Amino acid sequence: MSKICQITGKKAMIGNNVSHSKHHTKRSFDINLFQKKFYYMEEGCWISLKLCAQGLRMINKVGLDAALKNAVEKGYCDWKDIKVIGE
C-alpha cells in the first residue's frame, strides 16, 4: 500500500498545472502521508501505520481501536497490512 492512508483511505489526486497562458499539463496532488508508531493497548504491542494528518486527527478524536475497526470495516486496510513492531 503505497501513498494511501490506512485510516482514511485518502490517496493522491490527478490534476493540472495551469500556466499564465492557460496551458494545462498533468500533475499529481500527493497527500500529507507519514509513518507513525502507536501503542495498541488491546493487543499490547506497538504498531506502525502510514497515515495522513486527517487520519492522525481521527485517531486523536475517536481512539486507535475505533479508528482501526472503522478502517478495516470500510476496506481501507486489513489486519494483516498493519505492521507490528517488536515481534
N, C-alpha and C. Protein backbone atom coordinates (compact mmCIF):
# COMPACT_ATOMS: atom_id res chain seq x y z
N MET A 1 0.84 -1.18 0.00
CA MET A 1 0.00 0.00 0.00
C MET A 1 0.88 1.24 0.00
N SER A 2 1.07 1.80 -1.14
CA SER A 2 1.92 2.97 -1.19
C SER A 2 1.09 4.22 -1.43
N LYS A 3 1.42 5.27 -0.71
CA LYS A 3 0.79 6.57 -0.82
C LYS A 3 -0.72 6.53 -0.63
N ILE A 4 -1.18 5.67 0.30
CA ILE A 4 -2.59 5.61 0.67
C ILE A 4 -2.66 5.60 2.19
N CYS A 5 -3.50 6.45 2.76
CA CYS A 5 -3.67 6.50 4.20
C CYS A 5 -4.42 5.25 4.66
N GLN A 6 -3.90 4.56 5.67
CA GLN A 6 -4.52 3.33 6.15
C GLN A 6 -5.74 3.59 7.03
N ILE A 7 -5.95 4.81 7.47
CA ILE A 7 -7.10 5.14 8.31
C ILE A 7 -8.23 5.77 7.51
N THR A 8 -7.92 6.74 6.66
CA THR A 8 -8.98 7.45 5.93
C THR A 8 -9.15 6.97 4.49
N GLY A 9 -8.16 6.27 3.95
CA GLY A 9 -8.25 5.81 2.57
C GLY A 9 -7.91 6.87 1.55
N LYS A 10 -7.40 8.01 2.00
CA LYS A 10 -7.04 9.08 1.06
C LYS A 10 -5.87 8.64 0.20
N LYS A 11 -5.87 9.08 -1.07
CA LYS A 11 -4.74 8.81 -1.95
C LYS A 11 -4.53 10.01 -2.86
N ALA A 12 -3.47 9.97 -3.65
CA ALA A 12 -3.11 11.10 -4.50
C ALA A 12 -4.19 11.35 -5.55
N MET A 13 -4.41 12.63 -5.85
CA MET A 13 -5.35 13.02 -6.90
C MET A 13 -4.58 13.50 -8.12
N ILE A 14 -5.20 13.44 -9.27
CA ILE A 14 -4.60 13.91 -10.51
C ILE A 14 -5.27 15.22 -10.89
N GLY A 15 -4.46 16.18 -11.32
CA GLY A 15 -5.00 17.47 -11.73
C GLY A 15 -4.11 18.09 -12.79
N ASN A 16 -4.22 19.39 -12.93
CA ASN A 16 -3.47 20.11 -13.96
C ASN A 16 -2.68 21.25 -13.35
N ASN A 17 -1.45 21.45 -13.86
CA ASN A 17 -0.75 22.71 -13.67
C ASN A 17 -1.29 23.64 -14.74
N VAL A 18 -1.65 24.86 -14.36
CA VAL A 18 -2.17 25.82 -15.33
C VAL A 18 -1.23 27.02 -15.34
N SER A 19 -0.61 27.26 -16.49
CA SER A 19 0.33 28.37 -16.60
C SER A 19 -0.43 29.67 -16.83
N HIS A 20 0.31 30.76 -16.89
CA HIS A 20 -0.29 32.07 -17.11
C HIS A 20 -1.00 32.14 -18.47
N SER A 21 -0.48 31.37 -19.44
CA SER A 21 -1.10 31.35 -20.77
C SER A 21 -2.22 30.29 -20.86
N LYS A 22 -2.63 29.77 -19.74
CA LYS A 22 -3.69 28.77 -19.62
C LYS A 22 -3.34 27.43 -20.25
N HIS A 23 -2.05 27.11 -20.34
CA HIS A 23 -1.60 25.83 -20.86
C HIS A 23 -1.68 24.81 -19.73
N HIS A 24 -2.38 23.67 -19.97
CA HIS A 24 -2.59 22.66 -18.95
C HIS A 24 -1.61 21.50 -19.11
N THR A 25 -0.92 21.15 -18.04
CA THR A 25 -0.08 19.94 -18.02
C THR A 25 -0.46 19.13 -16.79
N LYS A 26 -0.42 17.81 -16.93
CA LYS A 26 -0.84 16.92 -15.85
C LYS A 26 0.13 16.96 -14.67
N ARG A 27 -0.42 16.80 -13.47
CA ARG A 27 0.37 16.70 -12.26
C ARG A 27 -0.42 15.90 -11.25
N SER A 28 0.25 15.48 -10.15
CA SER A 28 -0.47 14.77 -9.10
C SER A 28 -0.39 15.58 -7.81
N PHE A 29 -1.48 15.57 -7.07
CA PHE A 29 -1.54 16.21 -5.77
C PHE A 29 -1.36 15.12 -4.72
N ASP A 30 -0.17 15.02 -4.13
CA ASP A 30 0.10 14.00 -3.13
C ASP A 30 -0.51 14.39 -1.79
N ILE A 31 -0.76 13.38 -0.96
CA ILE A 31 -1.31 13.66 0.36
C ILE A 31 -0.18 13.80 1.37
N ASN A 32 -0.52 14.36 2.52
CA ASN A 32 0.45 14.56 3.59
C ASN A 32 0.59 13.25 4.36
N LEU A 33 1.37 12.32 3.80
CA LEU A 33 1.47 10.96 4.34
C LEU A 33 2.76 10.78 5.12
N PHE A 34 2.67 10.14 6.28
CA PHE A 34 3.85 9.86 7.08
C PHE A 34 3.66 8.58 7.87
N GLN A 35 4.77 8.04 8.35
CA GLN A 35 4.78 6.80 9.13
C GLN A 35 4.74 7.17 10.61
N LYS A 36 3.85 6.52 11.36
CA LYS A 36 3.68 6.83 12.78
C LYS A 36 3.54 5.55 13.57
N LYS A 37 4.17 5.50 14.76
CA LYS A 37 4.07 4.33 15.64
C LYS A 37 3.07 4.62 16.75
N PHE A 38 2.26 3.62 17.07
CA PHE A 38 1.28 3.71 18.14
C PHE A 38 1.40 2.49 19.03
N TYR A 39 1.08 2.66 20.30
CA TYR A 39 0.99 1.51 21.20
C TYR A 39 -0.46 1.05 21.20
N TYR A 40 -0.70 -0.16 20.74
CA TYR A 40 -2.05 -0.72 20.62
C TYR A 40 -2.37 -1.45 21.92
N MET A 41 -3.15 -0.80 22.78
CA MET A 41 -3.43 -1.32 24.13
C MET A 41 -4.15 -2.67 24.11
N GLU A 42 -5.06 -2.86 23.16
CA GLU A 42 -5.86 -4.08 23.12
C GLU A 42 -5.01 -5.32 22.86
N GLU A 43 -3.96 -5.17 22.05
CA GLU A 43 -3.07 -6.30 21.74
C GLU A 43 -1.78 -6.26 22.56
N GLY A 44 -1.49 -5.13 23.18
CA GLY A 44 -0.29 -5.00 23.99
C GLY A 44 0.98 -4.95 23.16
N CYS A 45 0.95 -4.30 22.01
CA CYS A 45 2.12 -4.23 21.14
C CYS A 45 2.17 -2.88 20.44
N TRP A 46 3.32 -2.59 19.84
CA TRP A 46 3.49 -1.39 19.03
C TRP A 46 3.14 -1.70 17.59
N ILE A 47 2.44 -0.79 16.93
CA ILE A 47 2.13 -0.95 15.51
C ILE A 47 2.59 0.29 14.76
N SER A 48 2.86 0.13 13.48
CA SER A 48 3.29 1.22 12.63
C SER A 48 2.26 1.40 11.53
N LEU A 49 1.80 2.63 11.34
CA LEU A 49 0.78 2.94 10.34
C LEU A 49 1.26 4.03 9.40
N LYS A 50 0.85 3.94 8.13
CA LYS A 50 1.03 5.03 7.17
C LYS A 50 -0.27 5.82 7.20
N LEU A 51 -0.20 7.08 7.62
CA LEU A 51 -1.41 7.86 7.69
C LEU A 51 -1.16 9.31 7.35
N CYS A 52 -2.25 10.01 7.05
CA CYS A 52 -2.18 11.42 6.72
C CYS A 52 -2.56 12.23 7.96
N ALA A 53 -2.49 13.54 7.86
CA ALA A 53 -2.78 14.41 9.00
C ALA A 53 -4.22 14.24 9.47
N GLN A 54 -5.15 14.07 8.54
CA GLN A 54 -6.55 13.87 8.91
C GLN A 54 -6.75 12.53 9.64
N GLY A 55 -6.00 11.52 9.24
CA GLY A 55 -6.07 10.23 9.92
C GLY A 55 -5.56 10.32 11.35
N LEU A 56 -4.51 11.10 11.57
CA LEU A 56 -3.99 11.31 12.92
C LEU A 56 -5.01 12.04 13.78
N ARG A 57 -5.69 13.03 13.22
CA ARG A 57 -6.73 13.75 13.95
C ARG A 57 -7.89 12.83 14.29
N MET A 58 -8.21 11.90 13.38
CA MET A 58 -9.30 10.96 13.65
C MET A 58 -8.92 10.02 14.79
N ILE A 59 -7.67 9.55 14.82
CA ILE A 59 -7.21 8.69 15.91
C ILE A 59 -7.26 9.44 17.24
N ASN A 60 -6.87 10.71 17.24
CA ASN A 60 -6.93 11.51 18.47
C ASN A 60 -8.36 11.71 18.94
N LYS A 61 -9.30 11.78 17.99
CA LYS A 61 -10.70 12.06 18.33
C LYS A 61 -11.44 10.82 18.82
N VAL A 62 -11.37 9.71 18.07
CA VAL A 62 -12.18 8.53 18.39
C VAL A 62 -11.39 7.42 19.05
N GLY A 63 -10.07 7.49 19.03
CA GLY A 63 -9.24 6.45 19.62
C GLY A 63 -8.70 5.51 18.56
N LEU A 64 -7.59 4.86 18.88
CA LEU A 64 -6.90 4.00 17.92
C LEU A 64 -7.73 2.77 17.56
N ASP A 65 -8.31 2.11 18.55
CA ASP A 65 -9.07 0.88 18.29
C ASP A 65 -10.29 1.16 17.41
N ALA A 66 -11.03 2.21 17.72
CA ALA A 66 -12.22 2.55 16.92
C ALA A 66 -11.84 2.96 15.50
N ALA A 67 -10.74 3.71 15.35
CA ALA A 67 -10.31 4.14 14.02
C ALA A 67 -9.87 2.95 13.18
N LEU A 68 -9.13 2.01 13.79
CA LEU A 68 -8.70 0.81 13.06
C LEU A 68 -9.88 -0.06 12.66
N LYS A 69 -10.83 -0.26 13.57
CA LYS A 69 -12.02 -1.06 13.25
C LYS A 69 -12.82 -0.43 12.12
N ASN A 70 -12.95 0.89 12.16
CA ASN A 70 -13.67 1.61 11.10
C ASN A 70 -12.96 1.49 9.76
N ALA A 71 -11.62 1.59 9.76
CA ALA A 71 -10.84 1.49 8.52
C ALA A 71 -10.92 0.09 7.92
N VAL A 72 -10.87 -0.94 8.76
CA VAL A 72 -10.97 -2.32 8.28
C VAL A 72 -12.38 -2.59 7.75
N GLU A 73 -13.38 -2.05 8.45
CA GLU A 73 -14.78 -2.22 8.04
C GLU A 73 -15.04 -1.58 6.67
N LYS A 74 -14.44 -0.41 6.43
CA LYS A 74 -14.63 0.29 5.15
C LYS A 74 -13.70 -0.22 4.06
N GLY A 75 -12.72 -1.06 4.41
CA GLY A 75 -11.83 -1.64 3.42
C GLY A 75 -10.59 -0.83 3.10
N TYR A 76 -10.25 0.16 3.94
CA TYR A 76 -9.06 0.97 3.70
C TYR A 76 -7.78 0.22 4.02
N CYS A 77 -7.82 -0.68 4.98
CA CYS A 77 -6.67 -1.51 5.33
C CYS A 77 -7.18 -2.84 5.84
N ASP A 78 -6.28 -3.77 6.00
CA ASP A 78 -6.62 -5.09 6.53
C ASP A 78 -5.74 -5.34 7.75
N TRP A 79 -6.17 -6.23 8.64
CA TRP A 79 -5.39 -6.50 9.84
C TRP A 79 -4.01 -7.03 9.49
N LYS A 80 -3.86 -7.75 8.39
CA LYS A 80 -2.54 -8.26 8.01
C LYS A 80 -1.63 -7.17 7.45
N ASP A 81 -2.21 -6.03 6.99
CA ASP A 81 -1.41 -4.92 6.47
C ASP A 81 -0.81 -4.06 7.57
N ILE A 82 -1.34 -4.17 8.79
CA ILE A 82 -0.84 -3.36 9.90
C ILE A 82 0.45 -3.99 10.41
N LYS A 83 1.51 -3.21 10.39
CA LYS A 83 2.85 -3.71 10.73
C LYS A 83 3.04 -3.68 12.25
N VAL A 84 3.29 -4.86 12.83
CA VAL A 84 3.54 -4.99 14.27
C VAL A 84 5.04 -4.87 14.49
N ILE A 85 5.44 -4.02 15.43
CA ILE A 85 6.85 -3.78 15.72
C ILE A 85 7.24 -4.56 16.97
N GLY A 86 8.38 -5.20 16.94
CA GLY A 86 8.91 -5.87 18.11
C GLY A 86 8.55 -7.33 18.24
N GLU A 87 8.05 -7.93 17.18
CA GLU A 87 7.75 -9.38 17.24
C GLU A 87 8.60 -10.12 16.26
